[in-house]
Amino acid sequence: MCDECDLNSVTTCLKCSPDLAVLIEGKCLCKKGKYKNVLSGGSYTCSNCPINTYSPYHENNNACTECSDGKYNDEEGLDSCPLLCHKFCSKCSGPNRNECSECKESERLVTLVGNTCECKSGYYFDISSNDCLPCDKFCGECTSLTECTRCNDNQGTTLASGVCKCNNKGYFEYNEECVECHDLCESCTGLSNTECSSCKGGATLTEPQTCSCPPHQYYDPSKRKCERCHASCSSCLGSSNTECIECLSPFYLDGASCIAKCDPGAYPDDLLRRCLTCDSICKDCYGPTIRDCWNCKDDYIKISSGFCLPILCSEGTYLNDFAQCLPCDSSCRTCRGEGIYNCIDCAEGLAMITFNSGIQRLCSSYLEGFEMNSKGEFIGTLIIHQ
């Protein structure tokens, strides 16, 4: 490339081949758009950069730089890449989508397929916008907005005639998703078992849009179907005899249990199949009123008409723990128990006195030092005369 050398220095060039190099500080450097091409025998020449490469400086590099950053050129010997690739390409040989050698990073694009940057699953290439556009909401893959080839991974979708939609069996559309129906609904319009069109899991359509378990069965969410109640239950919430709502004959409902015999204080109602509470004065009974006692509670006595009546003692007597009427102390007209300190009213000629700060009371004729209060009681200190 050096046409004329300095006679005093063979490494200093005075004149370069004008088509290949330029003279800079005594050296012949390849022109822009060219690279140092080493020939046989150790000599070299400056050759044009191949298509889609470039060399922007005067230098003796052994190779040109490859075009990148979405640009290319289509001639040899250029010092730049002035042309734009398709917007999907980071490297290319032409302006079209199928002339790519490397794709740009994008949530819509996948790696290179052949020489084409393809759209990711869930997107399709739209010619009019020259871009990847999203498929329909339920499509996993598509060729256009109206032509699905595979449904997305959302359970419950089905493909029919190029359209992905919610499966009519067991799913309904809500907030652009396919949502599973209630376990008892085969088809539905909502989440609950009152929004069903048809039933499954042993359930039947008992009311408009309502799927319910048959009689003597309950819905088990762990098994997602109807299961049988306990043998004593007519209806129930679970499989045991402590989860009953109603009972079968000969059992009666007590709380949530079906039992053969009601506990004391309750009676069996054959119509409701329930144990109902006796009247408060009955120890046990066969009905709800005071006429229906089998036996009376303490302090009550059953008379011939069937009533339980309170035991009443005559004046001057009191009822002991054995339902006996015993005489009060002689100082009492009426009393609540045995002795002088249980008087309620005093015998004739005596007055009620209160002493020991109101703790004790008795009937006495000794009133010295006592004062009468608003209740007619005498209050003071008890002085006993000898």
Protein backbone atom coordinates (compact mmCIF):
# COMPACT_ATOMS: atom_id res chain seq x y z
CA MET A 1 0.00 0.00 0.00
CA CYS A 2 3.05 2.26 0.33
CA ASP A 3 3.92 3.55 -3.16
CA GLU A 4 7.03 5.51 -2.03
CA CYS A 5 9.27 4.98 1.05
CA ASP A 6 11.77 7.24 2.85
CA LEU A 7 15.26 6.13 1.68
CA ASN A 8 16.61 6.70 5.16
CA SER A 9 13.87 4.64 6.88
CA VAL A 10 12.17 1.69 5.25
CA THR A 11 9.36 1.87 7.86
CA THR A 12 8.42 5.40 6.89
CA CYS A 13 6.13 5.81 3.93
CA LEU A 14 6.01 8.96 1.88
CA LYS A 15 3.15 8.07 -0.48
CA CYS A 16 0.27 5.53 -0.20
CA SER A 17 -1.91 3.82 -2.76
CA PRO A 18 -4.69 6.41 -3.10
CA ASP A 19 -7.53 3.92 -3.53
CA LEU A 20 -6.69 1.92 -0.42
CA ALA A 21 -5.03 3.94 2.30
CA VAL A 22 -4.21 7.38 3.63
CA LEU A 23 -0.85 8.65 4.89
CA ILE A 24 -0.87 9.47 8.58
CA GLU A 25 2.42 10.21 10.42
CA GLY A 26 4.47 8.20 7.94
CA LYS A 27 2.16 5.21 7.94
CA CYS A 28 -0.37 4.00 5.42
CA LEU A 29 -3.66 3.28 7.24
CA CYS A 30 -6.67 1.64 5.60
CA LYS A 31 -9.41 4.03 4.59
CA LYS A 32 -12.76 4.09 6.39
CA GLY A 33 -14.90 1.15 5.28
CA LYS A 34 -11.85 -1.07 4.75
CA TYR A 35 -9.84 -3.54 6.84
CA LYS A 36 -6.27 -4.92 6.78
CA ASN A 37 -6.31 -8.09 4.68
CA VAL A 38 -3.11 -10.12 5.19
CA LEU A 39 -1.92 -11.83 1.99
CA SER A 40 0.34 -14.83 1.47
CA GLY A 41 4.00 -14.03 2.05
CA GLY A 42 3.20 -11.61 4.85
CA SER A 43 2.16 -8.63 2.74
CA TYR A 44 -1.27 -7.11 3.16
CA THR A 45 -3.74 -4.90 1.42
CA CYS A 46 -6.85 -2.91 2.43
CA SER A 47 -10.08 -4.68 1.44
CA ASN A 48 -13.67 -3.44 1.61
CA CYS A 49 -15.69 -4.35 4.70
CA PRO A 50 -18.29 -7.00 3.78
CA ILE A 51 -22.00 -6.19 3.67
CA ASN A 52 -23.51 -5.59 7.13
CA THR A 53 -20.13 -4.66 8.63
CA TYR A 54 -18.35 -1.32 8.84
CA SER A 55 -15.11 0.43 9.82
CA PRO A 56 -15.50 4.03 10.98
CA TYR A 57 -11.78 4.93 11.42
CA HIS A 58 -8.53 5.03 9.51
CA GLU A 59 -6.82 1.99 11.00
CA ASN A 60 -5.24 -1.33 10.21
CA ASN A 61 -7.63 -3.68 12.01
CA ASN A 62 -7.81 -7.24 10.76
CA ALA A 63 -11.64 -7.22 10.68
CA CYS A 64 -14.62 -4.88 10.42
CA THR A 65 -17.29 -4.33 13.09
CA GLU A 66 -20.62 -6.13 12.68
CA CYS A 67 -23.75 -3.96 12.43
CA SER A 68 -25.98 -4.06 15.55
CA ASP A 69 -28.45 -2.01 17.64
CA GLY A 70 -31.20 -2.53 15.08
CA LYS A 71 -29.21 -1.20 12.12
CA TYR A 72 -27.65 -2.71 8.96
CA ASN A 73 -26.05 -1.78 5.61
CA ASP A 74 -26.41 -3.40 2.20
CA GLU A 75 -23.12 -2.42 0.49
CA GLU A 76 -19.45 -3.30 0.88
CA GLY A 77 -16.88 -0.78 2.10
CA LEU A 78 -19.07 1.38 4.30
CA ASP A 79 -18.00 3.22 7.44
CA SER A 80 -21.44 3.00 9.13
CA CYS A 81 -24.76 1.09 9.27
CA PRO A 82 -27.32 3.69 8.18
CA LEU A 83 -30.36 1.46 7.56
CA LEU A 84 -32.95 0.39 10.16
CA CYS A 85 -33.89 -3.23 10.81
CA HIS A 86 -37.47 -4.31 11.51
CA LYS A 87 -38.38 -3.16 15.01
CA PHE A 88 -38.27 -6.75 16.33
CA CYS A 89 -34.61 -7.21 15.27
CA SER A 90 -31.45 -6.17 17.09
CA LYS A 91 -29.34 -7.57 14.20
CA CYS A 92 -30.51 -8.15 10.64
CA SER A 93 -29.67 -8.34 6.95
CA GLY A 94 -32.67 -6.38 5.76
CA PRO A 95 -35.71 -4.37 6.81
CA ASN A 96 -38.19 -7.27 7.10
CA ARG A 97 -39.22 -9.40 10.12
CA ASN A 98 -37.89 -12.54 8.40
CA GLU A 99 -34.42 -11.05 7.84
CA CYS A 100 -33.35 -11.05 11.47
CA SER A 101 -30.27 -12.73 12.92
CA GLU A 102 -30.99 -11.70 16.51
CA CYS A 103 -34.19 -10.51 18.29
CA LYS A 104 -34.70 -7.62 20.70
CA GLU A 105 -35.53 -8.34 24.33
CA SER A 106 -39.30 -8.02 24.76
CA GLU A 107 -42.15 -9.57 26.78
CA ARG A 108 -43.93 -10.10 23.47
CA LEU A 109 -41.10 -11.78 21.52
CA VAL A 110 -39.38 -15.16 21.66
CA THR A 111 -35.98 -16.22 20.38
CA LEU A 112 -35.25 -16.41 16.66
CA VAL A 113 -37.14 -19.03 14.65
CA GLY A 114 -35.25 -19.42 11.38
CA ASN A 115 -34.58 -15.82 10.42
CA THR A 116 -37.85 -14.55 11.92
CA CYS A 117 -38.52 -13.02 15.35
CA GLU A 118 -41.81 -14.66 16.33
CA CYS A 119 -44.41 -13.40 18.82
CA LYS A 120 -44.60 -15.11 22.22
CA SER A 121 -47.46 -17.41 23.18
CA GLY A 122 -50.49 -15.27 23.91
CA TYR A 123 -49.60 -12.79 21.12
CA TYR A 124 -49.99 -12.75 17.34
CA PHE A 125 -48.33 -10.71 14.59
CA ASP A 126 -50.68 -8.03 13.27
CA ILE A 127 -49.73 -6.88 9.77
CA SER A 128 -51.58 -3.55 9.92
CA SER A 129 -49.80 -2.39 13.08
CA ASN A 130 -46.60 -4.33 12.30
CA ASP A 131 -46.56 -5.43 15.95
CA CYS A 132 -47.30 -8.33 18.33
CA LEU A 133 -50.78 -7.88 19.77
CA PRO A 134 -52.36 -9.89 22.61
CA CYS A 135 -54.67 -12.80 21.81
CA ASP A 136 -58.20 -12.94 23.19
CA LYS A 137 -58.32 -13.24 27.01
CA PHE A 138 -58.76 -17.02 27.06
CA CYS A 139 -56.33 -17.85 24.18
CA GLY A 140 -52.90 -19.30 24.90
CA GLU A 141 -51.91 -19.16 21.20
CA CYS A 142 -53.61 -17.55 18.22
CA THR A 143 -53.13 -16.41 14.65
CA SER A 144 -55.44 -13.40 15.04
CA LEU A 145 -57.70 -11.84 17.63
CA THR A 146 -60.59 -14.03 16.45
CA GLU A 147 -58.70 -17.28 15.73
CA CYS A 148 -57.36 -19.24 18.70
CA THR A 149 -55.24 -22.34 18.16
CA ARG A 150 -54.77 -23.22 21.84
CA CYS A 151 -56.52 -22.07 25.02
CA ASN A 152 -54.54 -20.64 27.93
CA ASP A 153 -53.67 -22.64 31.04
CA ASN A 154 -56.66 -21.32 32.97
CA GLN A 155 -58.59 -24.43 33.98
CA GLY A 156 -62.10 -24.47 32.62
CA THR A 157 -61.52 -23.14 29.09
CA THR A 158 -62.49 -25.06 25.96
CA LEU A 159 -61.67 -24.48 22.25
CA ALA A 160 -64.47 -24.55 19.69
CA SER A 161 -64.35 -23.16 16.11
CA GLY A 162 -61.26 -21.07 16.85
CA VAL A 163 -62.75 -19.49 20.00
CA CYS A 164 -61.72 -20.19 23.61
CA LYS A 165 -64.48 -19.77 26.17
CA CYS A 166 -65.42 -21.02 29.62
CA ASN A 167 -66.51 -24.63 29.74
CA ASN A 168 -70.27 -24.75 30.26
CA LYS A 169 -69.78 -27.81 32.48
CA GLY A 170 -68.58 -26.61 35.87
CA TYR A 171 -67.39 -23.07 35.07
CA PHE A 172 -68.70 -19.53 34.51
CA GLU A 173 -67.03 -16.30 33.39
CA TYR A 174 -66.25 -13.70 36.07
CA ASN A 175 -63.80 -10.75 35.83
CA GLU A 176 -62.39 -12.17 32.56
CA GLU A 177 -61.58 -15.51 34.19
CA CYS A 178 -63.20 -18.93 34.15
CA VAL A 179 -64.32 -19.57 37.74
CA GLU A 180 -65.35 -23.00 39.00
CA CYS A 181 -69.00 -23.51 39.98
CA HIS A 182 -70.10 -24.72 43.42
CA ASP A 183 -69.30 -28.41 43.94
CA LEU A 184 -72.97 -29.35 43.58
CA CYS A 185 -73.46 -27.41 40.31
CA GLU A 186 -72.75 -29.03 36.97
CA SER A 187 -73.41 -25.73 35.22
CA CYS A 188 -73.97 -22.32 36.78
CA THR A 189 -74.11 -18.55 36.55
CA GLY A 190 -72.39 -17.80 39.90
CA LEU A 191 -70.41 -19.17 42.84
CA SER A 192 -73.14 -20.40 45.20
CA ASN A 193 -75.37 -23.46 45.03
CA THR A 194 -78.33 -21.09 44.44
CA GLU A 195 -76.98 -20.06 41.02
CA CYS A 196 -77.03 -23.46 39.31
CA SER A 197 -78.47 -24.52 35.97
CA SER A 198 -77.88 -28.25 36.55
CA CYS A 199 -76.55 -30.37 39.45
CA LYS A 200 -73.94 -33.02 40.22
CA GLY A 201 -72.42 -34.79 43.25
CA GLY A 202 -75.72 -36.47 44.09
CA ALA A 203 -77.59 -33.14 44.39
CA THR A 204 -80.95 -32.32 42.84
CA LEU A 205 -82.43 -29.05 41.56
CA THR A 206 -84.99 -28.39 44.32
CA GLU A 207 -85.80 -24.74 43.62
CA PRO A 208 -85.11 -22.46 40.67
CA GLN A 209 -81.30 -22.50 40.27
CA THR A 210 -80.70 -24.25 43.64
CA CYS A 211 -78.85 -27.57 43.95
CA SER A 212 -79.49 -29.33 47.28
CA CYS A 213 -78.65 -32.72 48.73
CA PRO A 214 -81.56 -35.24 48.84
CA PRO A 215 -83.34 -36.03 52.14
CA HIS A 216 -81.16 -37.69 54.82
CA GLN A 217 -77.99 -36.36 53.13
CA TYR A 218 -75.66 -33.38 53.65
CA TYR A 219 -73.02 -31.58 51.59
CA ASP A 220 -69.45 -32.61 52.49
CA PRO A 221 -67.02 -29.90 51.21
CA SER A 222 -63.96 -32.15 51.70
CA LYS A 223 -65.44 -34.77 49.34
CA ARG A 224 -67.24 -32.16 47.24
CA LYS A 225 -70.47 -34.16 47.13
CA CYS A 226 -73.55 -35.22 49.12
CA GLU A 227 -73.04 -37.82 51.89
CA ARG A 228 -75.52 -39.71 54.05
CA CYS A 229 -76.51 -38.44 57.51
CA HIS A 230 -76.35 -40.63 60.63
CA ALA A 231 -79.16 -43.21 60.70
CA SER A 232 -80.98 -41.28 63.48
CA CYS A 233 -80.98 -37.95 61.58
CA SER A 234 -83.64 -36.80 59.14
CA SER A 235 -81.45 -33.82 58.12
CA CYS A 236 -77.96 -32.94 59.29
CA LEU A 237 -74.72 -30.96 58.97
CA GLY A 238 -72.39 -33.98 59.23
CA SER A 239 -72.19 -37.75 59.48
CA SER A 240 -72.36 -38.21 63.29
CA ASN A 241 -75.45 -38.29 65.53
CA THR A 242 -74.26 -35.03 67.16
CA GLU A 243 -74.63 -33.03 63.91
CA CYS A 244 -78.38 -33.46 63.39
CA ILE A 245 -80.90 -30.77 62.45
CA GLU A 246 -83.98 -33.02 62.52
CA CYS A 247 -84.52 -36.59 63.73
CA LEU A 248 -86.21 -39.71 62.41
CA SER A 249 -88.68 -41.68 64.56
CA PRO A 250 -88.20 -42.98 67.26
CA PHE A 251 -85.49 -40.37 68.03
CA TYR A 252 -85.84 -36.83 69.40
CA LEU A 253 -83.56 -33.84 68.86
CA ASP A 254 -81.74 -32.65 71.98
CA GLY A 255 -79.39 -29.81 71.01
CA ALA A 256 -77.77 -31.29 67.87
CA SER A 257 -78.08 -34.94 68.96
CA CYS A 258 -80.84 -37.43 68.18
CA ILE A 259 -81.59 -39.47 71.32
CA ALA A 260 -84.10 -42.20 72.11
CA LYS A 261 -85.21 -40.76 75.49
CA CYS A 262 -85.33 -37.13 76.64
CA ASP A 263 -83.37 -36.13 79.75
CA PRO A 264 -85.16 -35.24 83.05
CA GLY A 265 -86.78 -31.80 82.80
CA ALA A 266 -87.73 -32.31 79.15
CA TYR A 267 -90.49 -34.15 77.29
CA PRO A 268 -90.65 -35.65 73.76
CA ASP A 269 -92.70 -33.80 71.13
CA ASP A 270 -93.77 -36.39 68.54
CA LEU A 271 -94.73 -33.78 65.92
CA LEU A 272 -91.44 -31.85 66.03
CA ARG A 273 -89.34 -34.88 67.01
CA ARG A 274 -87.66 -32.68 69.64
CA CYS A 275 -87.07 -32.72 73.40
CA LEU A 276 -88.80 -29.63 74.79
CA THR A 277 -88.35 -28.13 78.26
CA CYS A 278 -90.94 -28.86 80.98
CA ASP A 279 -92.55 -26.09 83.02
CA SER A 280 -90.19 -24.81 85.72
CA ILE A 281 -92.16 -26.45 88.57
CA CYS A 282 -91.99 -29.94 87.00
CA LYS A 283 -89.22 -32.39 87.85
CA ASP A 284 -90.28 -34.40 84.78
CA CYS A 285 -93.31 -34.12 82.50
CA TYR A 286 -95.19 -35.19 79.38
CA GLY A 287 -96.13 -31.71 78.13
CA PRO A 288 -95.37 -27.98 78.42
CA THR A 289 -97.89 -26.81 81.07
CA ILE A 290 -98.15 -27.12 84.85
CA ARG A 291 -100.90 -29.71 84.31
CA ASP A 292 -98.38 -32.01 82.50
CA CYS A 293 -95.96 -32.85 85.33
CA TRP A 294 -95.18 -36.47 86.13
CA ASN A 295 -93.45 -35.34 89.31
CA CYS A 296 -93.15 -31.94 91.01
CA LYS A 297 -89.99 -30.14 92.05
CA ASP A 298 -89.17 -29.74 95.75
CA ASP A 299 -91.47 -27.34 97.68
CA TYR A 300 -94.35 -28.34 95.37
CA ILE A 301 -96.99 -31.05 95.71
CA LYS A 302 -99.09 -32.71 92.99
CA ILE A 303 -102.82 -32.60 93.66
CA SER A 304 -105.54 -34.87 92.21
CA SER A 305 -106.22 -32.55 89.27
CA GLY A 306 -102.60 -32.98 88.15
CA PHE A 307 -101.39 -29.49 89.14
CA CYS A 308 -98.11 -28.94 91.02
CA LEU A 309 -98.81 -26.41 93.78
CA PRO A 310 -96.42 -24.84 96.32
CA ILE A 311 -96.60 -26.39 99.79
CA LEU A 312 -98.11 -23.70 102.12
CA CYS A 313 -97.90 -24.07 105.92
CA SER A 314 -100.41 -22.43 108.27
CA GLU A 315 -99.61 -19.37 110.44
CA GLY A 316 -97.20 -20.22 113.25
CA THR A 317 -95.55 -23.06 111.29
CA TYR A 318 -92.78 -23.30 108.73
CA LEU A 319 -91.80 -25.83 106.01
CA ASN A 320 -88.70 -27.87 106.80
CA ASP A 321 -86.38 -29.71 104.38
CA PHE A 322 -88.61 -32.77 104.49
CA ALA A 323 -91.71 -30.87 103.29
CA GLN A 324 -93.13 -30.92 106.84
CA CYS A 325 -94.92 -28.01 108.52
CA LEU A 326 -93.41 -27.52 112.03
CA PRO A 327 -94.33 -24.95 114.74
CA CYS A 328 -92.44 -21.67 115.02
CA ASP A 329 -90.94 -20.46 118.33
CA SER A 330 -93.64 -19.16 120.73
CA SER A 331 -92.34 -15.58 120.28
CA CYS A 332 -93.12 -15.66 116.56
CA ARG A 333 -96.46 -15.20 114.86
CA THR A 334 -94.84 -16.27 111.54
CA CYS A 335 -91.32 -17.51 110.89
CA ARG A 336 -88.94 -18.80 108.30
CA GLY A 337 -87.34 -21.49 110.42
CA GLU A 338 -86.62 -22.93 113.84
CA GLY A 339 -85.65 -20.78 116.90
CA ILE A 340 -86.07 -17.24 118.22
CA TYR A 341 -83.93 -15.61 115.54
CA ASN A 342 -86.10 -16.69 112.55
CA CYS A 343 -89.26 -14.70 113.32
CA ILE A 344 -90.90 -12.77 110.52
CA ASP A 345 -93.70 -11.29 112.69
CA CYS A 346 -93.98 -11.30 116.50
CA ALA A 347 -96.59 -12.93 118.71
CA GLU A 348 -99.15 -10.67 120.41
CA GLY A 349 -97.63 -8.42 123.07
CA LEU A 350 -94.09 -8.64 121.67
CA ALA A 351 -92.12 -6.31 119.39
CA MET A 352 -89.33 -6.99 116.89
CA ILE A 353 -85.99 -5.68 118.08
CA THR A 354 -82.79 -5.48 116.00
CA PHE A 355 -79.37 -5.56 117.59
CA ASN A 356 -75.72 -6.36 116.92
CA SER A 357 -75.72 -3.68 114.18
CA GLY A 358 -78.78 -5.19 112.51
CA ILE A 359 -77.34 -8.68 112.24
CA GLN A 360 -79.75 -10.31 114.69
CA ARG A 361 -83.50 -9.93 115.27
CA LEU A 362 -85.93 -11.38 117.76
CA CYS A 363 -89.31 -10.74 119.32
CA SER A 364 -89.20 -9.36 122.88
CA SER A 365 -91.16 -7.40 125.50
CA TYR A 366 -88.01 -5.71 126.82
CA LEU A 367 -87.73 -2.43 124.91
CA GLU A 368 -85.59 -0.36 127.29
CA GLY A 369 -82.91 1.59 125.32
CA PHE A 370 -84.49 0.87 121.90
CA GLU A 371 -85.86 3.35 119.37
CA MET A 372 -88.53 2.57 116.75
CA ASN A 373 -87.52 2.97 113.08
CA SER A 374 -89.74 3.64 110.04
CA LYS A 375 -90.48 -0.09 109.69
CA GLY A 376 -91.84 -0.33 113.22
CA GLU A 377 -88.77 -2.21 114.45
CA PHE A 378 -86.92 -1.31 117.62
CA ILE A 379 -83.20 -0.76 117.16
CA GLY A 380 -80.62 -0.53 119.92
CA THR A 381 -78.60 -2.49 122.47
CA LEU A 382 -80.26 -5.46 124.08
CA ILE A 383 -80.42 -5.18 127.94
CA ILE A 384 -81.69 -8.27 129.69
CA HIS A 385 -83.20 -7.70 133.26
CA GLN A 386 -82.61 -10.33 135.85
